[in-house]
Amino acid sequence: MNGTVAEQALVGMELLWTYEAAPSYEAFIADHSKESDEHRDMISVLTLFERIGTFVKHQVLNEVLVLDMLWAIGAWVRCENIVRDLRAQRGNEKLFENFEWLAGREAELSKALSP
């Protein structure tokens, strides 16, 4: 349980990219128990992008700067199935909504800037 959320999220993203396709939550926990460091690291990915998305949405962080530094769409594509499964399990459609919003904003800005 050592390391910052950002460090754990980096490890979590590396782990999520070891899957051939974006895993469902059930597939992930079949490989990594809820008590494992790997599960913690995956949750850290969701938590980090949720926090950053919240800060950008409320203009605490500059949107253009954040989206220039991070690949929110790539992270979302890898995590979307897990988030949707967690939302269904917990009956909470707002779970990690700012992570999803941030990826959507990146898609909108990319489209607007494309020639």
N, C-alpha and C. Protein backbone atom coordinates (compact mmCIF):
# COMPACT_ATOMS: atom_id res chain seq x y z
N MET A 1 0.82 -1.20 0.00
CA MET A 1 0.00 0.00 0.00
C MET A 1 0.86 1.27 0.00
N ASN A 2 2.04 1.15 -0.53
CA ASN A 2 2.90 2.32 -0.61
C ASN A 2 2.71 3.03 -1.94
N GLY A 3 3.09 4.30 -1.97
CA GLY A 3 3.01 5.05 -3.21
C GLY A 3 1.80 5.96 -3.24
N THR A 4 1.91 6.97 -4.09
CA THR A 4 0.82 7.92 -4.25
C THR A 4 -0.23 7.34 -5.20
N VAL A 5 -1.38 7.97 -5.22
CA VAL A 5 -2.42 7.55 -6.16
C VAL A 5 -1.89 7.63 -7.59
N ALA A 6 -1.13 8.67 -7.90
CA ALA A 6 -0.58 8.81 -9.26
C ALA A 6 0.37 7.66 -9.60
N GLU A 7 1.22 7.28 -8.65
CA GLU A 7 2.13 6.17 -8.89
C GLU A 7 1.36 4.86 -9.05
N GLN A 8 0.36 4.67 -8.21
CA GLN A 8 -0.46 3.46 -8.30
C GLN A 8 -1.25 3.44 -9.61
N ALA A 9 -1.72 4.61 -10.04
CA ALA A 9 -2.47 4.70 -11.30
C ALA A 9 -1.59 4.36 -12.48
N LEU A 10 -0.34 4.77 -12.45
CA LEU A 10 0.59 4.43 -13.53
C LEU A 10 0.75 2.92 -13.63
N VAL A 11 0.91 2.27 -12.50
CA VAL A 11 1.02 0.81 -12.48
C VAL A 11 -0.29 0.20 -12.97
N GLY A 12 -1.42 0.78 -12.55
CA GLY A 12 -2.73 0.28 -12.96
C GLY A 12 -2.94 0.39 -14.45
N MET A 13 -2.53 1.51 -15.06
CA MET A 13 -2.67 1.66 -16.51
C MET A 13 -1.81 0.64 -17.24
N GLU A 14 -0.60 0.44 -16.76
CA GLU A 14 0.26 -0.56 -17.39
C GLU A 14 -0.41 -1.94 -17.33
N LEU A 15 -1.01 -2.25 -16.20
CA LEU A 15 -1.71 -3.53 -16.03
C LEU A 15 -2.91 -3.63 -16.98
N LEU A 16 -3.71 -2.57 -17.07
CA LEU A 16 -4.88 -2.60 -17.96
C LEU A 16 -4.49 -2.79 -19.42
N TRP A 17 -3.32 -2.31 -19.81
CA TRP A 17 -2.87 -2.47 -21.19
C TRP A 17 -2.31 -3.86 -21.46
N THR A 18 -2.16 -4.70 -20.43
CA THR A 18 -1.73 -6.08 -20.67
C THR A 18 -2.87 -6.94 -21.21
N TYR A 19 -4.11 -6.46 -21.06
CA TYR A 19 -5.27 -7.18 -21.60
C TYR A 19 -5.36 -6.90 -23.10
N GLU A 20 -5.73 -7.92 -23.85
CA GLU A 20 -5.87 -7.76 -25.30
C GLU A 20 -6.93 -6.72 -25.65
N ALA A 21 -8.00 -6.72 -24.88
CA ALA A 21 -9.09 -5.75 -25.05
C ALA A 21 -9.45 -5.23 -23.66
N ALA A 22 -10.18 -4.14 -23.64
CA ALA A 22 -10.59 -3.56 -22.35
C ALA A 22 -11.38 -4.61 -21.56
N PRO A 23 -10.95 -4.91 -20.33
CA PRO A 23 -11.63 -5.95 -19.57
C PRO A 23 -12.91 -5.46 -18.89
N SER A 24 -13.80 -6.40 -18.66
CA SER A 24 -14.95 -6.11 -17.80
C SER A 24 -14.44 -6.17 -16.36
N TYR A 25 -15.25 -5.66 -15.44
CA TYR A 25 -14.86 -5.73 -14.04
C TYR A 25 -14.76 -7.19 -13.60
N GLU A 26 -15.70 -8.01 -14.04
CA GLU A 26 -15.69 -9.43 -13.66
C GLU A 26 -14.42 -10.12 -14.16
N ALA A 27 -14.01 -9.83 -15.38
CA ALA A 27 -12.78 -10.41 -15.91
C ALA A 27 -11.58 -9.94 -15.11
N PHE A 28 -11.58 -8.67 -14.75
CA PHE A 28 -10.46 -8.14 -13.98
C PHE A 28 -10.36 -8.80 -12.62
N ILE A 29 -11.50 -8.90 -11.91
CA ILE A 29 -11.42 -9.50 -10.56
C ILE A 29 -11.22 -11.02 -10.61
N ALA A 30 -11.50 -11.62 -11.74
CA ALA A 30 -11.17 -13.04 -11.89
C ALA A 30 -9.65 -13.22 -11.90
N ASP A 31 -8.95 -12.22 -12.41
CA ASP A 31 -7.49 -12.26 -12.45
C ASP A 31 -6.84 -11.64 -11.21
N HIS A 32 -7.54 -10.70 -10.58
CA HIS A 32 -6.96 -9.94 -9.46
C HIS A 32 -8.04 -9.73 -8.40
N SER A 33 -7.87 -10.31 -7.25
CA SER A 33 -8.90 -10.21 -6.21
C SER A 33 -9.09 -8.76 -5.77
N LYS A 34 -10.22 -8.50 -5.17
CA LYS A 34 -10.52 -7.14 -4.70
C LYS A 34 -9.55 -6.68 -3.63
N GLU A 35 -8.87 -7.60 -2.99
CA GLU A 35 -7.90 -7.25 -1.94
C GLU A 35 -6.48 -7.09 -2.47
N SER A 36 -6.29 -7.30 -3.76
CA SER A 36 -4.93 -7.29 -4.33
C SER A 36 -4.42 -5.87 -4.59
N ASP A 37 -3.11 -5.78 -4.69
CA ASP A 37 -2.48 -4.51 -5.07
C ASP A 37 -2.91 -4.11 -6.48
N GLU A 38 -3.09 -5.09 -7.36
CA GLU A 38 -3.50 -4.81 -8.73
C GLU A 38 -4.89 -4.18 -8.78
N HIS A 39 -5.79 -4.65 -7.94
CA HIS A 39 -7.13 -4.06 -7.88
C HIS A 39 -7.02 -2.62 -7.37
N ARG A 40 -6.23 -2.42 -6.34
CA ARG A 40 -6.01 -1.06 -5.82
C ARG A 40 -5.45 -0.15 -6.89
N ASP A 41 -4.51 -0.66 -7.67
CA ASP A 41 -3.89 0.15 -8.72
C ASP A 41 -4.90 0.51 -9.81
N MET A 42 -5.77 -0.43 -10.16
CA MET A 42 -6.81 -0.15 -11.17
C MET A 42 -7.79 0.90 -10.64
N ILE A 43 -8.19 0.77 -9.38
CA ILE A 43 -9.08 1.77 -8.78
C ILE A 43 -8.38 3.14 -8.73
N SER A 44 -7.07 3.14 -8.55
CA SER A 44 -6.31 4.39 -8.55
C SER A 44 -6.38 5.09 -9.90
N VAL A 45 -6.41 4.32 -10.99
CA VAL A 45 -6.58 4.92 -12.32
C VAL A 45 -7.91 5.66 -12.37
N LEU A 46 -8.97 4.98 -11.96
CA LEU A 46 -10.30 5.59 -11.98
C LEU A 46 -10.36 6.83 -11.09
N THR A 47 -9.79 6.72 -9.90
CA THR A 47 -9.81 7.81 -8.94
C THR A 47 -9.02 9.02 -9.43
N LEU A 48 -7.84 8.77 -9.98
CA LEU A 48 -7.00 9.87 -10.47
C LEU A 48 -7.70 10.63 -11.60
N PHE A 49 -8.22 9.91 -12.59
CA PHE A 49 -8.89 10.58 -13.69
C PHE A 49 -10.20 11.24 -13.25
N GLU A 50 -10.87 10.68 -12.27
CA GLU A 50 -12.07 11.32 -11.72
C GLU A 50 -11.71 12.65 -11.06
N ARG A 51 -10.66 12.65 -10.27
CA ARG A 51 -10.23 13.89 -9.61
C ARG A 51 -9.82 14.95 -10.62
N ILE A 52 -8.99 14.55 -11.58
CA ILE A 52 -8.54 15.50 -12.59
C ILE A 52 -9.73 16.02 -13.38
N GLY A 53 -10.64 15.15 -13.77
CA GLY A 53 -11.84 15.57 -14.48
C GLY A 53 -12.67 16.57 -13.68
N THR A 54 -12.78 16.33 -12.39
CA THR A 54 -13.53 17.26 -11.52
C THR A 54 -12.85 18.62 -11.49
N PHE A 55 -11.53 18.62 -11.35
CA PHE A 55 -10.80 19.89 -11.29
C PHE A 55 -10.92 20.66 -12.61
N VAL A 56 -10.86 19.94 -13.73
CA VAL A 56 -10.99 20.61 -15.03
C VAL A 56 -12.41 21.13 -15.21
N LYS A 57 -13.39 20.32 -14.89
CA LYS A 57 -14.80 20.70 -15.06
C LYS A 57 -15.13 21.97 -14.28
N HIS A 58 -14.52 22.12 -13.11
CA HIS A 58 -14.80 23.29 -12.27
C HIS A 58 -13.73 24.37 -12.42
N GLN A 59 -12.94 24.25 -13.48
CA GLN A 59 -11.96 25.25 -13.88
C GLN A 59 -10.89 25.53 -12.82
N VAL A 60 -10.59 24.51 -12.03
CA VAL A 60 -9.48 24.61 -11.09
C VAL A 60 -8.17 24.34 -11.83
N LEU A 61 -8.25 23.44 -12.81
CA LEU A 61 -7.13 23.16 -13.70
C LEU A 61 -7.50 23.58 -15.12
N ASN A 62 -6.52 24.03 -15.86
CA ASN A 62 -6.73 24.44 -17.23
C ASN A 62 -6.97 23.23 -18.12
N GLU A 63 -8.10 23.23 -18.80
CA GLU A 63 -8.51 22.10 -19.64
C GLU A 63 -7.51 21.80 -20.75
N VAL A 64 -7.09 22.80 -21.46
CA VAL A 64 -6.17 22.60 -22.59
C VAL A 64 -4.84 22.04 -22.09
N LEU A 65 -4.35 22.57 -20.99
CA LEU A 65 -3.09 22.08 -20.42
C LEU A 65 -3.21 20.62 -20.00
N VAL A 66 -4.26 20.29 -19.27
CA VAL A 66 -4.46 18.92 -18.80
C VAL A 66 -4.58 17.96 -19.98
N LEU A 67 -5.38 18.32 -20.97
CA LEU A 67 -5.58 17.42 -22.10
C LEU A 67 -4.36 17.33 -23.00
N ASP A 68 -3.48 18.31 -22.93
CA ASP A 68 -2.21 18.23 -23.64
C ASP A 68 -1.26 17.26 -22.95
N MET A 69 -1.40 17.13 -21.63
CA MET A 69 -0.51 16.28 -20.84
C MET A 69 -1.00 14.84 -20.71
N LEU A 70 -2.30 14.64 -20.70
CA LEU A 70 -2.88 13.31 -20.45
C LEU A 70 -3.61 12.78 -21.66
N TRP A 71 -3.74 11.50 -21.73
CA TRP A 71 -4.50 10.84 -22.78
C TRP A 71 -5.76 10.25 -22.14
N ALA A 72 -6.70 11.13 -21.84
CA ALA A 72 -7.92 10.73 -21.13
C ALA A 72 -8.74 9.74 -21.94
N ILE A 73 -8.80 9.93 -23.25
CA ILE A 73 -9.58 9.03 -24.10
C ILE A 73 -9.00 7.61 -24.02
N GLY A 74 -7.70 7.50 -24.12
CA GLY A 74 -7.07 6.18 -24.05
C GLY A 74 -7.33 5.50 -22.73
N ALA A 75 -7.23 6.25 -21.65
CA ALA A 75 -7.51 5.69 -20.33
C ALA A 75 -8.98 5.28 -20.23
N TRP A 76 -9.88 6.14 -20.73
CA TRP A 76 -11.31 5.83 -20.66
C TRP A 76 -11.65 4.56 -21.45
N VAL A 77 -11.09 4.44 -22.64
CA VAL A 77 -11.36 3.26 -23.47
C VAL A 77 -10.95 1.98 -22.73
N ARG A 78 -9.85 2.04 -22.01
CA ARG A 78 -9.39 0.87 -21.26
C ARG A 78 -10.24 0.62 -20.00
N CYS A 79 -10.84 1.65 -19.46
CA CYS A 79 -11.57 1.55 -18.19
C CYS A 79 -13.09 1.54 -18.32
N GLU A 80 -13.61 1.88 -19.47
CA GLU A 80 -15.05 2.08 -19.64
C GLU A 80 -15.88 0.86 -19.21
N ASN A 81 -15.48 -0.33 -19.62
CA ASN A 81 -16.24 -1.53 -19.24
C ASN A 81 -16.26 -1.72 -17.73
N ILE A 82 -15.12 -1.49 -17.10
CA ILE A 82 -15.04 -1.63 -15.65
C ILE A 82 -15.96 -0.62 -14.98
N VAL A 83 -15.91 0.63 -15.43
CA VAL A 83 -16.75 1.68 -14.85
C VAL A 83 -18.23 1.34 -15.03
N ARG A 84 -18.61 0.92 -16.21
CA ARG A 84 -20.02 0.59 -16.46
C ARG A 84 -20.48 -0.57 -15.57
N ASP A 85 -19.62 -1.57 -15.39
CA ASP A 85 -19.95 -2.68 -14.50
C ASP A 85 -20.08 -2.22 -13.05
N LEU A 86 -19.16 -1.37 -12.61
CA LEU A 86 -19.23 -0.85 -11.23
C LEU A 86 -20.48 0.00 -11.03
N ARG A 87 -20.84 0.80 -12.01
CA ARG A 87 -22.06 1.60 -11.93
C ARG A 87 -23.29 0.70 -11.77
N ALA A 88 -23.34 -0.35 -12.56
CA ALA A 88 -24.48 -1.28 -12.49
C ALA A 88 -24.51 -1.99 -11.14
N GLN A 89 -23.37 -2.46 -10.68
CA GLN A 89 -23.30 -3.17 -9.40
C GLN A 89 -23.73 -2.28 -8.24
N ARG A 90 -23.32 -1.05 -8.28
CA ARG A 90 -23.57 -0.13 -7.16
C ARG A 90 -24.83 0.70 -7.34
N GLY A 91 -25.47 0.57 -8.51
CA GLY A 91 -26.68 1.34 -8.76
C GLY A 91 -26.44 2.84 -8.74
N ASN A 92 -25.26 3.24 -9.25
CA ASN A 92 -24.88 4.65 -9.22
C ASN A 92 -24.31 5.06 -10.57
N GLU A 93 -25.15 5.67 -11.39
CA GLU A 93 -24.74 6.09 -12.73
C GLU A 93 -23.75 7.26 -12.71
N LYS A 94 -23.57 7.90 -11.57
CA LYS A 94 -22.66 9.04 -11.49
C LYS A 94 -21.23 8.64 -11.14
N LEU A 95 -21.03 7.37 -10.84
CA LEU A 95 -19.72 6.88 -10.46
C LEU A 95 -18.70 7.16 -11.57
N PHE A 96 -17.66 7.86 -11.25
CA PHE A 96 -16.59 8.22 -12.19
C PHE A 96 -17.09 9.02 -13.39
N GLU A 97 -18.12 9.81 -13.17
CA GLU A 97 -18.71 10.60 -14.26
C GLU A 97 -17.77 11.68 -14.78
N ASN A 98 -16.92 12.22 -13.93
CA ASN A 98 -16.02 13.27 -14.39
C ASN A 98 -14.84 12.72 -15.18
N PHE A 99 -14.49 11.48 -14.95
CA PHE A 99 -13.52 10.78 -15.80
C PHE A 99 -14.11 10.64 -17.20
N GLU A 100 -15.34 10.18 -17.29
CA GLU A 100 -16.01 10.04 -18.58
C GLU A 100 -16.16 11.40 -19.26
N TRP A 101 -16.51 12.41 -18.49
CA TRP A 101 -16.67 13.77 -19.03
C TRP A 101 -15.35 14.27 -19.62
N LEU A 102 -14.25 14.04 -18.89
CA LEU A 102 -12.94 14.49 -19.35
C LEU A 102 -12.57 13.84 -20.68
N ALA A 103 -12.81 12.55 -20.81
CA ALA A 103 -12.54 11.86 -22.08
C ALA A 103 -13.42 12.43 -23.19
N GLY A 104 -14.67 12.73 -22.87
CA GLY A 104 -15.57 13.33 -23.85
C GLY A 104 -15.10 14.70 -24.30
N ARG A 105 -14.61 15.48 -23.36
CA ARG A 105 -14.09 16.81 -23.70
C ARG A 105 -12.86 16.70 -24.60
N GLU A 106 -12.02 15.73 -24.32
CA GLU A 106 -10.85 15.52 -25.17
C GLU A 106 -11.29 15.16 -26.59
N ALA A 107 -12.28 14.31 -26.71
CA ALA A 107 -12.80 13.93 -28.03
C ALA A 107 -13.38 15.14 -28.75
N GLU A 108 -14.12 15.98 -28.04
CA GLU A 108 -14.70 17.18 -28.64
C GLU A 108 -13.62 18.14 -29.11
N LEU A 109 -12.62 18.36 -28.28
CA LEU A 109 -11.54 19.29 -28.65
C LEU A 109 -10.71 18.74 -29.81
N SER A 110 -10.46 17.45 -29.81
CA SER A 110 -9.71 16.85 -30.91
C SER A 110 -10.45 16.99 -32.22
N LYS A 111 -11.75 16.78 -32.17
CA LYS A 111 -12.58 16.91 -33.37
C LYS A 111 -12.58 18.36 -33.86
N ALA A 112 -12.70 19.30 -32.94
CA ALA A 112 -12.75 20.72 -33.30
C ALA A 112 -11.42 21.20 -33.89
N LEU A 113 -10.32 20.61 -33.44
CA LEU A 113 -9.00 21.04 -33.91
C LEU A 113 -8.53 20.29 -35.14
N SER A 114 -9.24 19.24 -35.53
CA SER A 114 -8.85 18.47 -36.72
C SER A 114 -9.11 19.28 -37.98
N PRO A 115 -8.19 19.18 -38.95
CA PRO A 115 -8.38 19.93 -40.21
C PRO A 115 -9.49 19.34 -41.06
